[in-house]
Amino acid sequence: MFTGIVRELGTVETFDGSRLVVVAPETAATAALGDSVAVAGVCLTVVANENGRLAFDAVPETLSRTALGGLRPDGAVNVEPSLRVGDPLGGHVVQGHVDAVGRVRSVTPEGDGRRVWVDAPENVVRYCIEKGSVAVDGVSLTIAAFDDDGFEVALIPHTLAVTTLGSLEPGDEVNLEADVLGKVVERLLAARLS
């Protein structure tokens, strides 16, 4: 489980389509083999940890459901180690189980921040509510507005500076995870009504 509060901006060292190596010294200092780490919002398992570099295996299932396949050497990725008992929950409950890949519709400056619209499939939009939570590339964000095709978030200067969201451009693909609480409520109501 994660919070969507990015702890480190890592750098892709290599990615051969199945083995991903990320330079993330802060996370590597505490990560052990078998630990879960969110990379661009995707929960991955540490399979090697050497000299500040973390290695992960990305299987076809993961690649088919996420935007990880588009990662390139020297590209930045949001990195968050898994939540440990006693850690503060500063964002919202994020599982690292990507629901869909979205596409940036627009990026508009707003003061020192930016407003970003993301086109998303129905299986994400259905859980969007104004002031609700969504994870974009692993970053916990608040939904400012939504329509039938996607949602808008307002990004503050800090988020722009310490995550990959500061470099988003229209057309970019992003990993999306809808708020799990909405999914749980939907499931409970469906069971109750049947």
N, C-alpha and C. Protein backbone atom coordinates (compact mmCIF):
# COMPACT_ATOMS: atom_id res chain seq x y z
N MET A 1 0.85 -1.17 0.00
CA MET A 1 0.00 0.00 0.00
C MET A 1 0.89 1.23 0.00
N PHE A 2 0.41 2.28 -0.65
CA PHE A 2 1.15 3.52 -0.79
C PHE A 2 0.23 4.69 -0.43
N THR A 3 0.79 5.89 -0.42
CA THR A 3 0.00 7.07 -0.08
C THR A 3 -0.16 8.02 -1.26
N GLY A 4 0.63 7.84 -2.31
CA GLY A 4 0.61 8.77 -3.42
C GLY A 4 1.44 10.01 -3.17
N ILE A 5 2.24 9.98 -2.09
CA ILE A 5 3.17 11.07 -1.81
C ILE A 5 4.54 10.60 -2.29
N VAL A 6 4.97 11.14 -3.42
CA VAL A 6 6.22 10.71 -4.04
C VAL A 6 7.39 11.07 -3.13
N ARG A 7 8.23 10.09 -2.85
CA ARG A 7 9.37 10.29 -1.95
C ARG A 7 10.66 10.61 -2.68
N GLU A 8 10.70 10.25 -3.96
CA GLU A 8 11.94 10.46 -4.70
C GLU A 8 11.64 10.48 -6.20
N LEU A 9 12.38 11.30 -6.90
CA LEU A 9 12.32 11.32 -8.36
C LEU A 9 13.48 10.45 -8.83
N GLY A 10 13.16 9.26 -9.34
CA GLY A 10 14.18 8.34 -9.81
C GLY A 10 14.47 8.55 -11.29
N THR A 11 15.53 7.89 -11.75
CA THR A 11 15.92 7.97 -13.16
C THR A 11 16.02 6.57 -13.73
N VAL A 12 15.39 6.34 -14.86
CA VAL A 12 15.48 5.04 -15.52
C VAL A 12 16.91 4.88 -16.03
N GLU A 13 17.58 3.82 -15.57
CA GLU A 13 18.92 3.53 -16.07
C GLU A 13 18.82 2.66 -17.32
N THR A 14 18.07 1.57 -17.20
CA THR A 14 17.85 0.69 -18.35
C THR A 14 16.46 0.09 -18.26
N PHE A 15 15.92 -0.26 -19.41
CA PHE A 15 14.67 -1.01 -19.48
C PHE A 15 14.67 -1.76 -20.79
N ASP A 16 14.75 -3.08 -20.69
CA ASP A 16 14.83 -3.91 -21.89
C ASP A 16 13.49 -4.51 -22.29
N GLY A 17 12.42 -4.00 -21.70
CA GLY A 17 11.09 -4.53 -21.99
C GLY A 17 10.62 -5.52 -20.95
N SER A 18 11.52 -5.97 -20.09
CA SER A 18 11.09 -6.85 -19.00
C SER A 18 11.82 -6.52 -17.69
N ARG A 19 13.09 -6.15 -17.75
CA ARG A 19 13.84 -5.78 -16.55
C ARG A 19 14.04 -4.27 -16.54
N LEU A 20 13.51 -3.63 -15.50
CA LEU A 20 13.60 -2.19 -15.33
C LEU A 20 14.58 -1.89 -14.20
N VAL A 21 15.57 -1.04 -14.48
CA VAL A 21 16.52 -0.62 -13.46
C VAL A 21 16.38 0.88 -13.28
N VAL A 22 16.13 1.29 -12.03
CA VAL A 22 15.89 2.68 -11.68
C VAL A 22 16.93 3.13 -10.66
N VAL A 23 17.55 4.26 -10.92
CA VAL A 23 18.46 4.87 -9.95
C VAL A 23 17.60 5.68 -8.98
N ALA A 24 17.58 5.23 -7.72
CA ALA A 24 16.78 5.87 -6.67
C ALA A 24 17.48 5.64 -5.33
N PRO A 25 18.57 6.38 -5.06
CA PRO A 25 19.40 6.12 -3.89
C PRO A 25 18.68 6.18 -2.55
N GLU A 26 17.75 7.13 -2.38
CA GLU A 26 17.05 7.24 -1.10
C GLU A 26 16.19 6.01 -0.84
N THR A 27 15.44 5.59 -1.83
CA THR A 27 14.59 4.41 -1.68
C THR A 27 15.44 3.15 -1.56
N ALA A 28 16.50 3.07 -2.34
CA ALA A 28 17.38 1.90 -2.31
C ALA A 28 18.04 1.72 -0.94
N ALA A 29 18.23 2.82 -0.21
CA ALA A 29 18.88 2.74 1.10
C ALA A 29 18.06 1.93 2.10
N THR A 30 16.75 1.85 1.89
CA THR A 30 15.90 1.11 2.84
C THR A 30 15.17 -0.07 2.21
N ALA A 31 15.23 -0.21 0.90
CA ALA A 31 14.50 -1.29 0.22
C ALA A 31 15.25 -2.61 0.31
N ALA A 32 14.50 -3.67 0.56
CA ALA A 32 15.07 -5.02 0.59
C ALA A 32 14.50 -5.82 -0.58
N LEU A 33 15.19 -6.90 -0.93
CA LEU A 33 14.66 -7.79 -1.96
C LEU A 33 13.27 -8.23 -1.57
N GLY A 34 12.35 -8.19 -2.53
CA GLY A 34 10.98 -8.59 -2.28
C GLY A 34 10.07 -7.46 -1.83
N ASP A 35 10.64 -6.29 -1.51
CA ASP A 35 9.81 -5.16 -1.11
C ASP A 35 9.02 -4.62 -2.30
N SER A 36 7.88 -4.01 -2.00
CA SER A 36 7.08 -3.34 -3.02
C SER A 36 7.48 -1.88 -3.08
N VAL A 37 7.65 -1.38 -4.30
CA VAL A 37 7.96 0.03 -4.54
C VAL A 37 7.08 0.48 -5.70
N ALA A 38 6.47 1.65 -5.55
CA ALA A 38 5.68 2.21 -6.64
C ALA A 38 6.60 2.99 -7.56
N VAL A 39 6.60 2.61 -8.83
CA VAL A 39 7.38 3.30 -9.87
C VAL A 39 6.37 3.82 -10.89
N ALA A 40 6.28 5.14 -11.01
CA ALA A 40 5.28 5.77 -11.88
C ALA A 40 3.88 5.28 -11.54
N GLY A 41 3.66 5.00 -10.26
CA GLY A 41 2.35 4.56 -9.80
C GLY A 41 2.07 3.09 -9.92
N VAL A 42 3.06 2.31 -10.35
CA VAL A 42 2.88 0.87 -10.54
C VAL A 42 3.61 0.13 -9.43
N CYS A 43 2.90 -0.70 -8.70
CA CYS A 43 3.51 -1.49 -7.64
C CYS A 43 4.39 -2.57 -8.28
N LEU A 44 5.70 -2.49 -7.99
CA LEU A 44 6.66 -3.46 -8.51
C LEU A 44 7.46 -4.04 -7.35
N THR A 45 8.00 -5.23 -7.57
CA THR A 45 8.78 -5.93 -6.55
C THR A 45 10.27 -5.77 -6.80
N VAL A 46 11.00 -5.39 -5.77
CA VAL A 46 12.45 -5.24 -5.89
C VAL A 46 13.07 -6.62 -6.07
N VAL A 47 13.80 -6.81 -7.19
CA VAL A 47 14.47 -8.10 -7.44
C VAL A 47 15.99 -7.97 -7.34
N ALA A 48 16.50 -6.74 -7.28
CA ALA A 48 17.92 -6.50 -7.05
C ALA A 48 18.07 -5.07 -6.53
N ASN A 49 19.07 -4.87 -5.67
CA ASN A 49 19.33 -3.57 -5.08
C ASN A 49 20.84 -3.42 -4.92
N GLU A 50 21.46 -2.65 -5.82
CA GLU A 50 22.91 -2.47 -5.78
C GLU A 50 23.27 -1.02 -6.08
N ASN A 51 24.06 -0.43 -5.21
CA ASN A 51 24.63 0.90 -5.43
C ASN A 51 23.59 1.95 -5.81
N GLY A 52 22.48 1.98 -5.09
CA GLY A 52 21.45 2.99 -5.34
C GLY A 52 20.56 2.71 -6.53
N ARG A 53 20.71 1.50 -7.09
CA ARG A 53 19.91 1.10 -8.25
C ARG A 53 18.97 -0.03 -7.84
N LEU A 54 17.73 0.13 -8.19
CA LEU A 54 16.72 -0.89 -7.91
C LEU A 54 16.30 -1.54 -9.21
N ALA A 55 16.23 -2.86 -9.21
CA ALA A 55 15.78 -3.59 -10.40
C ALA A 55 14.43 -4.23 -10.13
N PHE A 56 13.60 -4.23 -11.17
CA PHE A 56 12.25 -4.78 -11.09
C PHE A 56 11.98 -5.58 -12.36
N ASP A 57 11.18 -6.62 -12.25
CA ASP A 57 10.73 -7.36 -13.43
C ASP A 57 9.33 -6.88 -13.79
N ALA A 58 9.15 -6.55 -15.05
CA ALA A 58 7.84 -6.11 -15.55
C ALA A 58 7.33 -7.19 -16.51
N VAL A 59 6.31 -7.91 -16.08
CA VAL A 59 5.76 -9.01 -16.89
C VAL A 59 4.77 -8.45 -17.91
N PRO A 60 4.43 -9.25 -18.94
CA PRO A 60 3.50 -8.77 -19.97
C PRO A 60 2.18 -8.23 -19.41
N GLU A 61 1.63 -8.84 -18.37
CA GLU A 61 0.39 -8.34 -17.76
C GLU A 61 0.56 -6.89 -17.30
N THR A 62 1.66 -6.61 -16.63
CA THR A 62 1.93 -5.25 -16.15
C THR A 62 2.08 -4.29 -17.32
N LEU A 63 2.83 -4.69 -18.32
CA LEU A 63 3.07 -3.82 -19.46
C LEU A 63 1.80 -3.55 -20.26
N SER A 64 0.89 -4.52 -20.30
CA SER A 64 -0.34 -4.34 -21.07
C SER A 64 -1.34 -3.40 -20.37
N ARG A 65 -1.19 -3.22 -19.07
CA ARG A 65 -2.14 -2.40 -18.31
C ARG A 65 -1.60 -1.05 -17.87
N THR A 66 -0.33 -0.77 -18.17
CA THR A 66 0.30 0.46 -17.70
C THR A 66 1.04 1.15 -18.84
N ALA A 67 1.59 2.30 -18.53
CA ALA A 67 2.40 3.04 -19.50
C ALA A 67 3.89 2.78 -19.30
N LEU A 68 4.25 1.76 -18.52
CA LEU A 68 5.66 1.47 -18.27
C LEU A 68 6.43 1.16 -19.55
N GLY A 69 5.78 0.57 -20.52
CA GLY A 69 6.46 0.21 -21.78
C GLY A 69 7.06 1.40 -22.49
N GLY A 70 6.59 2.60 -22.18
CA GLY A 70 7.11 3.81 -22.82
C GLY A 70 8.31 4.42 -22.11
N LEU A 71 8.76 3.81 -21.00
CA LEU A 71 9.91 4.36 -20.29
C LEU A 71 11.18 4.23 -21.12
N ARG A 72 12.01 5.26 -21.03
CA ARG A 72 13.27 5.31 -21.78
C ARG A 72 14.42 5.65 -20.83
N PRO A 73 15.64 5.19 -21.15
CA PRO A 73 16.80 5.53 -20.32
C PRO A 73 16.91 7.05 -20.13
N ASP A 74 17.29 7.42 -18.92
CA ASP A 74 17.44 8.81 -18.47
C ASP A 74 16.10 9.51 -18.21
N GLY A 75 14.99 8.81 -18.41
CA GLY A 75 13.69 9.39 -18.10
C GLY A 75 13.45 9.39 -16.60
N ALA A 76 12.71 10.38 -16.13
CA ALA A 76 12.38 10.49 -14.71
C ALA A 76 11.13 9.66 -14.39
N VAL A 77 11.11 9.09 -13.19
CA VAL A 77 9.94 8.35 -12.71
C VAL A 77 9.69 8.70 -11.24
N ASN A 78 8.41 8.76 -10.88
CA ASN A 78 8.04 8.95 -9.49
C ASN A 78 8.28 7.65 -8.74
N VAL A 79 8.92 7.74 -7.57
CA VAL A 79 9.23 6.56 -6.77
C VAL A 79 8.68 6.75 -5.36
N GLU A 80 7.99 5.72 -4.86
CA GLU A 80 7.49 5.74 -3.49
C GLU A 80 7.63 4.34 -2.89
N PRO A 81 8.37 4.23 -1.78
CA PRO A 81 8.42 2.93 -1.09
C PRO A 81 7.06 2.64 -0.45
N SER A 82 6.81 1.37 -0.19
CA SER A 82 5.52 1.02 0.39
C SER A 82 5.40 1.58 1.81
N LEU A 83 4.16 1.82 2.19
CA LEU A 83 3.82 2.35 3.50
C LEU A 83 4.16 1.31 4.56
N ARG A 84 4.78 1.76 5.63
CA ARG A 84 5.09 0.88 6.76
C ARG A 84 4.21 1.27 7.94
N VAL A 85 3.93 0.32 8.81
CA VAL A 85 3.10 0.59 9.99
C VAL A 85 3.70 1.77 10.75
N GLY A 86 2.87 2.74 11.04
CA GLY A 86 3.31 3.93 11.77
C GLY A 86 3.65 5.10 10.88
N ASP A 87 3.79 4.88 9.57
CA ASP A 87 4.06 5.98 8.65
C ASP A 87 2.81 6.85 8.51
N PRO A 88 2.99 8.16 8.32
CA PRO A 88 1.81 9.01 8.11
C PRO A 88 1.17 8.74 6.75
N LEU A 89 -0.14 8.81 6.71
CA LEU A 89 -0.89 8.65 5.47
C LEU A 89 -1.23 10.05 4.96
N GLY A 90 -0.29 10.63 4.19
CA GLY A 90 -0.42 12.02 3.80
C GLY A 90 -1.27 12.25 2.56
N GLY A 91 -1.43 11.24 1.72
CA GLY A 91 -2.21 11.40 0.50
C GLY A 91 -3.54 10.69 0.64
N HIS A 92 -3.70 9.59 -0.10
CA HIS A 92 -4.86 8.73 0.07
C HIS A 92 -4.38 7.29 -0.15
N VAL A 93 -5.24 6.33 0.10
CA VAL A 93 -4.85 4.93 -0.06
C VAL A 93 -4.65 4.64 -1.55
N VAL A 94 -3.41 4.30 -1.90
CA VAL A 94 -3.05 3.98 -3.27
C VAL A 94 -2.48 2.56 -3.26
N GLN A 95 -2.97 1.71 -4.14
CA GLN A 95 -2.53 0.32 -4.17
C GLN A 95 -1.38 0.08 -5.14
N GLY A 96 -1.22 0.95 -6.11
CA GLY A 96 -0.22 0.69 -7.14
C GLY A 96 -0.74 -0.27 -8.19
N HIS A 97 -2.05 -0.51 -8.17
CA HIS A 97 -2.70 -1.37 -9.15
C HIS A 97 -3.38 -0.46 -10.17
N VAL A 98 -2.70 -0.20 -11.25
CA VAL A 98 -3.16 0.76 -12.25
C VAL A 98 -4.47 0.28 -12.89
N ASP A 99 -5.45 1.18 -12.94
CA ASP A 99 -6.74 0.86 -13.54
C ASP A 99 -6.73 1.07 -15.04
N ALA A 100 -5.95 2.06 -15.49
CA ALA A 100 -5.96 2.38 -16.93
C ALA A 100 -4.82 3.34 -17.23
N VAL A 101 -4.55 3.45 -18.52
CA VAL A 101 -3.62 4.46 -19.01
C VAL A 101 -4.46 5.61 -19.55
N GLY A 102 -4.16 6.82 -19.07
CA GLY A 102 -4.85 8.01 -19.54
C GLY A 102 -3.94 8.80 -20.46
N ARG A 103 -4.51 9.81 -21.09
CA ARG A 103 -3.74 10.67 -22.00
C ARG A 103 -4.02 12.12 -21.63
N VAL A 104 -2.95 12.90 -21.48
CA VAL A 104 -3.10 14.31 -21.13
C VAL A 104 -3.80 15.05 -22.27
N ARG A 105 -4.92 15.67 -21.94
CA ARG A 105 -5.70 16.45 -22.91
C ARG A 105 -5.14 17.87 -23.05
N SER A 106 -4.86 18.49 -21.90
CA SER A 106 -4.36 19.87 -21.94
C SER A 106 -3.60 20.19 -20.66
N VAL A 107 -2.69 21.15 -20.78
CA VAL A 107 -1.93 21.68 -19.64
C VAL A 107 -2.03 23.20 -19.73
N THR A 108 -2.59 23.82 -18.69
CA THR A 108 -2.80 25.26 -18.70
C THR A 108 -2.14 25.89 -17.48
N PRO A 109 -1.25 26.88 -17.68
CA PRO A 109 -0.68 27.58 -16.53
C PRO A 109 -1.77 28.27 -15.72
N GLU A 110 -1.59 28.28 -14.40
CA GLU A 110 -2.54 28.95 -13.51
C GLU A 110 -1.73 29.51 -12.34
N GLY A 111 -1.38 30.79 -12.43
CA GLY A 111 -0.49 31.37 -11.42
C GLY A 111 0.85 30.65 -11.47
N ASP A 112 1.32 30.19 -10.31
CA ASP A 112 2.56 29.42 -10.25
C ASP A 112 2.33 27.93 -10.48
N GLY A 113 1.07 27.52 -10.60
CA GLY A 113 0.73 26.12 -10.79
C GLY A 113 0.25 25.85 -12.21
N ARG A 114 -0.38 24.70 -12.36
CA ARG A 114 -0.95 24.32 -13.66
C ARG A 114 -2.23 23.53 -13.44
N ARG A 115 -3.11 23.63 -14.39
CA ARG A 115 -4.30 22.77 -14.42
C ARG A 115 -4.08 21.79 -15.55
N VAL A 116 -4.32 20.53 -15.26
CA VAL A 116 -4.08 19.46 -16.23
C VAL A 116 -5.36 18.64 -16.39
N TRP A 117 -5.83 18.54 -17.64
CA TRP A 117 -6.94 17.66 -17.97
C TRP A 117 -6.38 16.34 -18.47
N VAL A 118 -6.93 15.25 -18.00
CA VAL A 118 -6.51 13.91 -18.42
C VAL A 118 -7.71 13.18 -18.97
N ASP A 119 -7.61 12.70 -20.21
CA ASP A 119 -8.66 11.85 -20.76
C ASP A 119 -8.47 10.46 -20.17
N ALA A 120 -9.57 9.87 -19.73
CA ALA A 120 -9.52 8.58 -19.05
C ALA A 120 -10.69 7.72 -19.50
N PRO A 121 -10.51 6.40 -19.47
CA PRO A 121 -11.62 5.52 -19.83
C PRO A 121 -12.71 5.51 -18.75
N GLU A 122 -13.85 4.96 -19.13
CA GLU A 122 -15.02 4.93 -18.24
C GLU A 122 -14.72 4.26 -16.91
N ASN A 123 -13.85 3.24 -16.90
CA ASN A 123 -13.59 2.53 -15.65
C ASN A 123 -12.81 3.37 -14.64
N VAL A 124 -12.34 4.55 -15.03
CA VAL A 124 -11.75 5.51 -14.09
C VAL A 124 -12.72 6.66 -13.86
N VAL A 125 -13.29 7.20 -14.93
CA VAL A 125 -14.19 8.35 -14.82
C VAL A 125 -15.38 8.02 -13.92
N ARG A 126 -15.86 6.81 -13.93
CA ARG A 126 -17.02 6.45 -13.11
C ARG A 126 -16.80 6.67 -11.63
N TYR A 127 -15.52 6.71 -11.18
CA TYR A 127 -15.20 6.94 -9.77
C TYR A 127 -14.78 8.38 -9.48
N CYS A 128 -14.83 9.23 -10.49
CA CYS A 128 -14.43 10.62 -10.30
C CYS A 128 -15.56 11.42 -9.66
N ILE A 129 -15.22 12.12 -8.61
CA ILE A 129 -16.13 13.07 -7.99
C ILE A 129 -15.33 14.34 -7.69
N GLU A 130 -15.99 15.47 -7.74
CA GLU A 130 -15.30 16.71 -7.43
C GLU A 130 -14.77 16.66 -6.01
N LYS A 131 -13.52 16.99 -5.85
CA LYS A 131 -12.77 16.96 -4.59
C LYS A 131 -12.45 15.54 -4.13
N GLY A 132 -12.69 14.55 -5.00
CA GLY A 132 -12.30 13.18 -4.71
C GLY A 132 -10.83 12.96 -5.08
N SER A 133 -10.32 11.78 -4.81
CA SER A 133 -8.91 11.47 -5.05
C SER A 133 -8.72 10.61 -6.29
N VAL A 134 -7.56 10.80 -6.91
CA VAL A 134 -7.11 9.99 -8.03
C VAL A 134 -5.59 9.97 -7.98
N ALA A 135 -4.98 8.89 -8.43
CA ALA A 135 -3.52 8.83 -8.53
C ALA A 135 -3.14 8.90 -10.00
N VAL A 136 -2.24 9.83 -10.33
CA VAL A 136 -1.72 10.00 -11.69
C VAL A 136 -0.22 9.76 -11.62
N ASP A 137 0.24 8.71 -12.30
CA ASP A 137 1.64 8.28 -12.23
C ASP A 137 2.11 8.16 -10.78
N GLY A 138 1.18 7.71 -9.93
CA GLY A 138 1.51 7.46 -8.53
C GLY A 138 1.38 8.65 -7.61
N VAL A 139 0.97 9.80 -8.13
CA VAL A 139 0.85 11.01 -7.32
C VAL A 139 -0.61 11.17 -6.88
N SER A 140 -0.82 11.28 -5.57
CA SER A 140 -2.16 11.50 -5.03
C SER A 140 -2.61 12.92 -5.35
N LEU A 141 -3.73 13.03 -6.06
CA LEU A 141 -4.24 14.33 -6.48
C LEU A 141 -5.72 14.45 -6.17
N THR A 142 -6.17 15.70 -6.09
CA THR A 142 -7.58 16.00 -5.88
C THR A 142 -8.21 16.40 -7.20
N ILE A 143 -9.34 15.81 -7.51
CA ILE A 143 -10.05 16.12 -8.75
C ILE A 143 -10.72 17.48 -8.62
N ALA A 144 -10.39 18.39 -9.53
CA ALA A 144 -10.96 19.74 -9.53
C ALA A 144 -12.25 19.79 -10.34
N ALA A 145 -12.31 19.00 -11.41
CA ALA A 145 -13.48 18.96 -12.28
C ALA A 145 -13.41 17.67 -13.08
N PHE A 146 -14.53 17.29 -13.67
CA PHE A 146 -14.54 16.09 -14.53
C PHE A 146 -15.66 16.22 -15.54
N ASP A 147 -15.53 15.45 -16.61
CA ASP A 147 -16.59 15.36 -17.61
C ASP A 147 -16.69 13.89 -18.02
N ASP A 148 -17.44 13.60 -19.06
CA ASP A 148 -17.64 12.21 -19.47
C ASP A 148 -16.37 11.54 -19.99
N ASP A 149 -15.38 12.35 -20.36
CA ASP A 149 -14.17 11.81 -20.99
C ASP A 149 -12.92 11.89 -20.13
N GLY A 150 -13.00 12.52 -18.96
CA GLY A 150 -11.80 12.62 -18.13
C GLY A 150 -11.99 13.53 -16.94
N PHE A 151 -10.86 13.99 -16.41
CA PHE A 151 -10.90 14.81 -15.20
C PHE A 151 -9.78 15.84 -15.24
N GLU A 152 -9.93 16.85 -14.40
CA GLU A 152 -8.94 17.92 -14.30
C GLU A 152 -8.39 17.96 -12.88
N VAL A 153 -7.08 18.22 -12.78
CA VAL A 153 -6.43 18.40 -11.48
C VAL A 153 -5.68 19.74 -11.50
N ALA A 154 -5.58 20.35 -10.34
CA ALA A 154 -4.83 21.59 -10.18
C ALA A 154 -3.53 21.24 -9.47
N LEU A 155 -2.40 21.51 -10.11
CA LEU A 155 -1.10 21.13 -9.56
C LEU A 155 -0.41 22.34 -8.95
N ILE A 156 0.04 22.19 -7.71
CA ILE A 156 0.74 23.26 -7.02
C ILE A 156 2.22 23.24 -7.41
N PRO A 157 2.94 24.35 -7.20
CA PRO A 157 4.35 24.41 -7.59
C PRO A 157 5.20 23.29 -6.97
N HIS A 158 4.94 22.91 -5.73
CA HIS A 158 5.72 21.83 -5.10
C HIS A 158 5.58 20.53 -5.87
N THR A 159 4.35 20.17 -6.22
CA THR A 159 4.11 18.94 -6.98
C THR A 159 4.80 19.00 -8.34
N LEU A 160 4.74 20.15 -8.98
CA LEU A 160 5.39 20.31 -10.28
C LEU A 160 6.90 20.13 -10.17
N ALA A 161 7.48 20.55 -9.04
CA ALA A 161 8.94 20.51 -8.86
C ALA A 161 9.46 19.14 -8.45
N VAL A 162 8.68 18.38 -7.68
CA VAL A 162 9.23 17.14 -7.10
C VAL A 162 8.68 15.86 -7.72
N THR A 163 7.86 15.99 -8.77
CA THR A 163 7.32 14.81 -9.46
C THR A 163 7.49 14.98 -10.97
N THR A 164 7.18 13.94 -11.68
CA THR A 164 7.24 14.01 -13.15
C THR A 164 6.09 14.82 -13.74
N LEU A 165 5.10 15.17 -12.93
CA LEU A 165 3.93 15.87 -13.46
C LEU A 165 4.29 17.26 -13.96
N GLY A 166 5.40 17.82 -13.52
CA GLY A 166 5.83 19.13 -13.98
C GLY A 166 6.24 19.15 -15.44
N SER A 167 6.52 17.99 -16.01
CA SER A 167 6.94 17.94 -17.41
C SER A 167 5.85 17.41 -18.34
N LEU A 168 4.64 17.24 -17.84
CA LEU A 168 3.56 16.72 -18.68
C LEU A 168 3.22 17.66 -19.82
N GLU A 169 2.97 17.06 -20.97
CA GLU A 169 2.55 17.78 -22.17
C GLU A 169 1.32 17.09 -22.75
N PRO A 170 0.48 17.83 -23.50
CA PRO A 170 -0.67 17.18 -24.14
C PRO A 170 -0.22 15.98 -24.98
N GLY A 171 -0.96 14.90 -24.85
CA GLY A 171 -0.66 13.67 -25.57
C GLY A 171 0.13 12.66 -24.76
N ASP A 172 0.75 13.09 -23.66
CA ASP A 172 1.52 12.16 -22.82
C ASP A 172 0.60 11.12 -22.19
N GLU A 173 1.09 9.89 -22.07
CA GLU A 173 0.35 8.84 -21.38
C GLU A 173 0.73 8.82 -19.91
N VAL A 174 -0.26 8.56 -19.06
CA VAL A 174 -0.05 8.49 -17.62
C VAL A 174 -0.80 7.30 -17.04
N ASN A 175 -0.23 6.74 -15.98
CA ASN A 175 -0.89 5.65 -15.26
C ASN A 175 -1.93 6.23 -14.32
N LEU A 176 -3.13 5.64 -14.35
CA LEU A 176 -4.24 6.13 -13.52
C LEU A 176 -4.73 5.06 -12.56
N GLU A 177 -4.98 5.48 -11.34
CA GLU A 177 -5.60 4.58 -10.36
C GLU A 177 -6.72 5.35 -9.67
N ALA A 178 -7.94 4.85 -9.85
CA ALA A 178 -9.10 5.46 -9.19
C ALA A 178 -9.04 5.16 -7.70
N ASP A 179 -9.71 6.00 -6.93
CA ASP A 179 -9.74 5.82 -5.48
C ASP A 179 -10.40 4.49 -5.12
N VAL A 180 -9.69 3.65 -4.40
CA VAL A 180 -10.18 2.32 -4.05
C VAL A 180 -11.45 2.39 -3.19
N LEU A 181 -11.61 3.46 -2.42
CA LEU A 181 -12.80 3.56 -1.58
C LEU A 181 -14.08 3.61 -2.41
N GLY A 182 -14.03 4.28 -3.56
CA GLY A 182 -15.18 4.32 -4.46
C GLY A 182 -15.52 2.93 -4.98
N LYS A 183 -14.49 2.16 -5.27
CA LYS A 183 -14.71 0.79 -5.77
C LYS A 183 -15.34 -0.09 -4.69
N VAL A 184 -14.89 0.08 -3.47
CA VAL A 184 -15.43 -0.72 -2.36
C VAL A 184 -16.90 -0.37 -2.13
N VAL A 185 -17.21 0.91 -2.11
CA VAL A 185 -18.60 1.34 -1.91
C VAL A 185 -19.48 0.79 -3.02
N GLU A 186 -19.03 0.88 -4.27
CA GLU A 186 -19.81 0.36 -5.40
C GLU A 186 -20.08 -1.13 -5.22
N ARG A 187 -19.07 -1.85 -4.84
CA ARG A 187 -19.21 -3.32 -4.69
C ARG A 187 -20.18 -3.66 -3.56
N LEU A 188 -20.07 -2.94 -2.45
CA LEU A 188 -20.97 -3.20 -1.32
C LEU A 188 -22.41 -2.87 -1.67
N LEU A 189 -22.62 -1.76 -2.38
CA LEU A 189 -23.98 -1.39 -2.78
C LEU A 189 -24.55 -2.41 -3.78
N ALA A 190 -23.74 -2.89 -4.70
CA ALA A 190 -24.19 -3.88 -5.68
C ALA A 190 -24.60 -5.17 -4.98
N ALA A 191 -23.84 -5.58 -3.99
CA ALA A 191 -24.16 -6.81 -3.25
C ALA A 191 -25.45 -6.62 -2.46
N ARG A 192 -25.63 -5.44 -1.92
CA ARG A 192 -26.81 -5.16 -1.12
C ARG A 192 -28.09 -5.12 -1.96
N LEU A 193 -27.94 -4.64 -3.21
CA LEU A 193 -29.10 -4.51 -4.10
C LEU A 193 -29.44 -5.80 -4.84
N SER A 194 -28.56 -6.78 -4.79
CA SER A 194 -28.84 -8.01 -5.54
C SER A 194 -29.53 -9.05 -4.69
